[in-house]
Amino acid sequence: MHLIFKILFISMTLFTAGITSEEVEILPPIGTETMPIAKTVFKQISDENEKIVDLTGKDFIVVSVRERGSDGRFYAVDRDGTVWWSGPVTSGAPEFRSPSGIFTIFQKKRYHMSKDFPDESGVNNMDYMMKFTKRGHALHKGSVDWMSHGCIHIDPKDVPVIYHWTTYKTKVVITRHTYMPFAKEDLRKIYGKR
C-alpha cells in the first residue's frame, strides 16, 4: 500500500509541475558513467552504448561527487553556459553511492524530513530539498563534513541560492569526474584568482 501511495504522490507531483513521465529519468544501470567533455556537453557511457548530451541553452547543475578523482563541488551553470555559483558538497557514502547520470528536478520542498532515515533531532532534515530521482535522491541542505545516504548535501550558505534559482525541469548532472577545468575561468571572474 505504501508503494502505491508513493507512486500516486510522485505522479501527482509531476502532473502539477507540468512534467511528463518521460522527462523524469530513472536511475541509470550500474556501470553507467557520465563525464563532462565540454562546458555544456556530457558523454553518458553504459555497457550497451554511448550518448552525447548537449545542455547548451539550459540552466543546469553539475555535481562532481566527493570521491577520488572528482571535485566534491557543485557548479550552477546558466543557460548561456556561465558557471555563476559553486560550492562544496558531499555525496553518498560507499554503501549509499549517489547515482551517476543526467536527471531532472521534479519535486521541491522548503522543509522536508527523510522518510527512510527519520531522526527526531533533525539531523536528517532535508531542508531546501530538490528531488531528482524516484528513489528519493535529492540535492538539499546538509553538512559537507560527512557523507550522505545517497543524496547530495549542499552547504547551508549555498543551498538557499540554488533552491530559489532551480525550477522543475532544471537538469542535474552527477559525475565522478572533475568539472573544474571547464569552470575555472568563470570561477576566477567570480571569486578572483587563487
Protein backbone atom coordinates (compact mmCIF):
# COMPACT_ATOMS: atom_id res chain seq x y z
CA MET A 1 0.00 0.00 0.00
CA HIS A 2 2.84 2.39 0.88
CA LEU A 3 4.45 1.85 -2.56
CA ILE A 4 1.15 2.58 -4.33
CA PHE A 5 0.80 5.82 -2.36
CA LYS A 6 4.37 6.83 -3.29
CA ILE A 7 3.71 6.17 -6.99
CA LEU A 8 0.47 8.17 -6.88
CA PHE A 9 2.16 11.02 -5.00
CA ILE A 10 5.04 11.20 -7.46
CA SER A 11 2.63 11.06 -10.42
CA MET A 12 0.53 13.90 -8.97
CA THR A 13 3.66 15.94 -8.22
CA LEU A 14 4.86 15.51 -11.80
CA PHE A 15 1.44 16.38 -13.19
CA THR A 16 1.13 19.57 -11.14
CA ALA A 17 4.67 20.58 -12.15
CA GLY A 18 3.83 20.06 -15.84
CA ILE A 19 6.46 17.35 -16.24
CA THR A 20 5.74 14.23 -18.23
CA SER A 21 6.92 10.84 -17.02
CA GLU A 22 9.30 10.70 -20.00
CA GLU A 23 11.15 13.73 -18.60
CA VAL A 24 11.92 12.07 -15.24
CA GLU A 25 14.93 9.86 -15.62
CA ILE A 26 15.02 6.53 -13.86
CA LEU A 27 18.32 5.57 -12.30
CA PRO A 28 20.88 4.55 -14.88
CA PRO A 29 22.03 0.95 -14.61
CA ILE A 30 25.12 0.11 -12.59
CA GLY A 31 28.10 0.71 -14.84
CA THR A 32 26.66 3.90 -16.33
CA GLU A 33 29.13 6.74 -16.31
CA THR A 34 28.61 10.43 -17.05
CA MET A 35 31.60 12.56 -17.93
CA PRO A 36 31.99 16.19 -19.00
CA ILE A 37 33.62 16.64 -22.41
CA ALA A 38 32.95 20.39 -22.70
CA LYS A 39 31.35 23.03 -20.50
CA THR A 40 27.79 22.12 -21.56
CA VAL A 41 28.35 18.73 -23.21
CA PHE A 42 28.44 15.37 -21.43
CA LYS A 43 29.08 11.80 -22.51
CA GLN A 44 26.98 9.04 -20.97
CA ILE A 45 28.59 5.63 -21.25
CA SER A 46 26.91 2.35 -20.39
CA ASP A 47 27.59 -1.28 -21.18
CA GLU A 48 25.25 -1.02 -24.18
CA ASN A 49 26.06 2.36 -25.75
CA GLU A 50 27.42 5.89 -25.60
CA LYS A 51 25.29 9.00 -25.82
CA ILE A 52 26.27 12.67 -26.09
CA VAL A 53 24.02 15.11 -24.22
CA ASP A 54 24.29 18.84 -25.00
CA LEU A 55 22.77 21.13 -22.37
CA THR A 56 23.53 24.36 -24.24
CA GLY A 57 20.69 26.84 -23.70
CA LYS A 58 19.54 25.23 -20.43
CA ASP A 59 20.12 26.01 -16.77
CA PHE A 60 21.73 23.04 -15.03
CA ILE A 61 23.73 21.96 -12.01
CA VAL A 62 26.84 19.81 -12.25
CA VAL A 63 27.73 17.80 -9.16
CA SER A 64 31.23 16.38 -9.18
CA VAL A 65 30.80 13.94 -6.29
CA ARG A 66 33.09 13.76 -3.29
CA GLU A 67 35.21 10.80 -4.35
CA ARG A 68 38.77 10.35 -5.51
CA GLY A 69 39.21 11.88 -8.98
CA SER A 70 36.25 14.24 -8.54
CA ASP A 71 35.95 17.78 -7.21
CA GLY A 72 33.50 17.43 -4.30
CA ARG A 73 31.71 20.54 -5.61
CA PHE A 74 28.54 21.66 -7.33
CA TYR A 75 28.52 24.14 -10.21
CA ALA A 76 25.43 26.18 -11.17
CA VAL A 77 25.53 26.83 -14.92
CA ASP A 78 23.09 29.26 -16.51
CA ARG A 79 21.60 28.92 -19.96
CA ASP A 80 24.37 30.96 -21.59
CA GLY A 81 26.91 28.43 -20.30
CA THR A 82 28.35 30.56 -17.48
CA VAL A 83 29.22 28.95 -14.15
CA TRP A 84 27.83 31.58 -11.78
CA TRP A 85 27.90 29.79 -8.40
CA SER A 86 29.87 26.92 -6.91
CA GLY A 87 30.37 25.36 -3.52
CA PRO A 88 31.36 22.21 -1.64
CA VAL A 89 29.17 19.11 -1.49
CA THR A 90 29.20 15.67 0.00
CA SER A 91 27.67 12.68 -1.71
CA GLY A 92 26.75 9.12 -0.84
CA ALA A 93 28.97 7.04 1.40
CA PRO A 94 30.31 3.87 -0.30
CA GLU A 95 27.35 1.77 0.85
CA PHE A 96 24.89 4.50 -0.33
CA ARG A 97 26.63 5.60 -3.53
CA SER A 98 25.00 8.56 -5.31
CA PRO A 99 23.85 7.71 -8.85
CA SER A 100 25.76 8.99 -11.87
CA GLY A 101 23.71 10.42 -14.73
CA ILE A 102 21.68 13.34 -16.00
CA PHE A 103 18.44 13.88 -14.11
CA THR A 104 15.62 16.42 -13.84
CA ILE A 105 14.39 18.12 -10.67
CA PHE A 106 10.74 17.13 -10.32
CA GLN A 107 9.93 17.99 -6.71
CA LYS A 108 10.97 20.84 -4.43
CA LYS A 109 10.11 21.34 -0.75
CA ARG A 110 11.47 24.04 1.52
CA TYR A 111 11.09 21.81 4.61
CA HIS A 112 11.33 18.04 4.35
CA MET A 113 12.23 15.09 6.59
CA SER A 114 13.56 11.82 5.20
CA LYS A 115 11.04 9.01 5.49
CA ASP A 116 13.78 6.40 5.03
CA PHE A 117 16.15 7.91 7.63
CA PRO A 118 13.96 9.87 10.10
CA ASP A 119 15.59 11.40 13.15
CA GLU A 120 13.75 13.40 15.81
CA SER A 121 16.86 15.52 16.43
CA GLY A 122 16.51 16.96 12.93
CA VAL A 123 19.94 15.76 11.84
CA ASN A 124 18.39 14.09 8.78
CA ASN A 125 16.19 17.02 7.79
CA MET A 126 16.34 17.66 4.06
CA ASP A 127 15.58 21.40 4.03
CA TYR A 128 15.66 23.05 0.59
CA MET A 129 15.00 19.62 -0.96
CA MET A 130 15.25 19.33 -4.77
CA LYS A 131 14.42 15.73 -5.68
CA PHE A 132 15.83 14.30 -8.91
CA THR A 133 15.21 10.52 -8.72
CA LYS A 134 12.12 8.48 -7.94
CA ARG A 135 14.18 6.57 -5.37
CA GLY A 136 14.49 9.74 -3.31
CA HIS A 137 17.88 11.17 -4.28
CA ALA A 138 17.91 14.93 -3.87
CA LEU A 139 20.05 18.00 -3.57
CA HIS A 140 19.43 19.52 -0.12
CA LYS A 141 20.89 21.39 2.82
CA GLY A 142 23.31 19.26 4.77
CA SER A 143 26.68 19.10 6.40
CA VAL A 144 29.55 18.91 3.95
CA ASP A 145 31.65 17.33 6.69
CA TRP A 146 30.21 13.81 6.43
CA MET A 147 28.94 11.57 3.65
CA SER A 148 25.23 11.03 2.96
CA HIS A 149 22.77 8.18 2.40
CA GLY A 150 22.99 8.90 -1.36
CA CYS A 151 21.72 12.47 -1.56
CA ILE A 152 23.89 15.47 -2.39
CA HIS A 153 24.48 17.69 0.65
CA ILE A 154 24.96 21.35 -0.23
CA ASP A 155 26.49 23.71 2.32
CA PRO A 156 23.87 25.70 4.29
CA LYS A 157 25.25 29.02 2.99
CA ASP A 158 24.86 27.98 -0.67
CA VAL A 159 21.65 25.95 -0.73
CA PRO A 160 19.07 28.78 -0.42
CA VAL A 161 20.51 30.48 -3.52
CA ILE A 162 20.45 27.25 -5.54
CA TYR A 163 16.97 26.30 -4.30
CA HIS A 164 15.48 29.62 -5.42
CA TRP A 165 17.31 29.51 -8.78
CA THR A 166 16.24 26.00 -9.77
CA THR A 167 12.88 25.13 -11.27
CA TYR A 168 11.05 21.95 -12.05
CA LYS A 169 12.86 20.69 -15.14
CA THR A 170 16.31 22.02 -14.09
CA LYS A 171 18.82 19.35 -15.10
CA VAL A 172 21.19 17.83 -12.53
CA VAL A 173 24.36 16.20 -13.86
CA ILE A 174 26.03 13.82 -11.39
CA THR A 175 29.55 12.84 -12.40
CA ARG A 176 32.50 11.01 -10.88
CA HIS A 177 34.89 13.11 -12.96
CA THR A 178 36.32 16.58 -12.45
CA TYR A 179 34.43 19.55 -13.91
CA MET A 180 36.86 22.21 -12.63
CA PRO A 181 38.79 22.60 -15.93
CA PHE A 182 35.55 23.78 -17.59
CA ALA A 183 34.53 26.05 -14.68
CA LYS A 184 37.89 27.57 -13.73
CA GLU A 185 37.75 30.74 -15.86
CA ASP A 186 34.22 31.64 -14.74
CA LEU A 187 35.10 30.98 -11.09
CA ARG A 188 38.16 33.24 -11.34
CA LYS A 189 35.91 36.07 -12.54
CA ILE A 190 33.55 35.50 -9.60
CA TYR A 191 35.96 34.74 -6.77
CA GLY A 192 39.23 36.24 -8.06
CA LYS A 193 42.48 34.46 -8.83
CA ARG A 194 43.58 31.75 -6.41
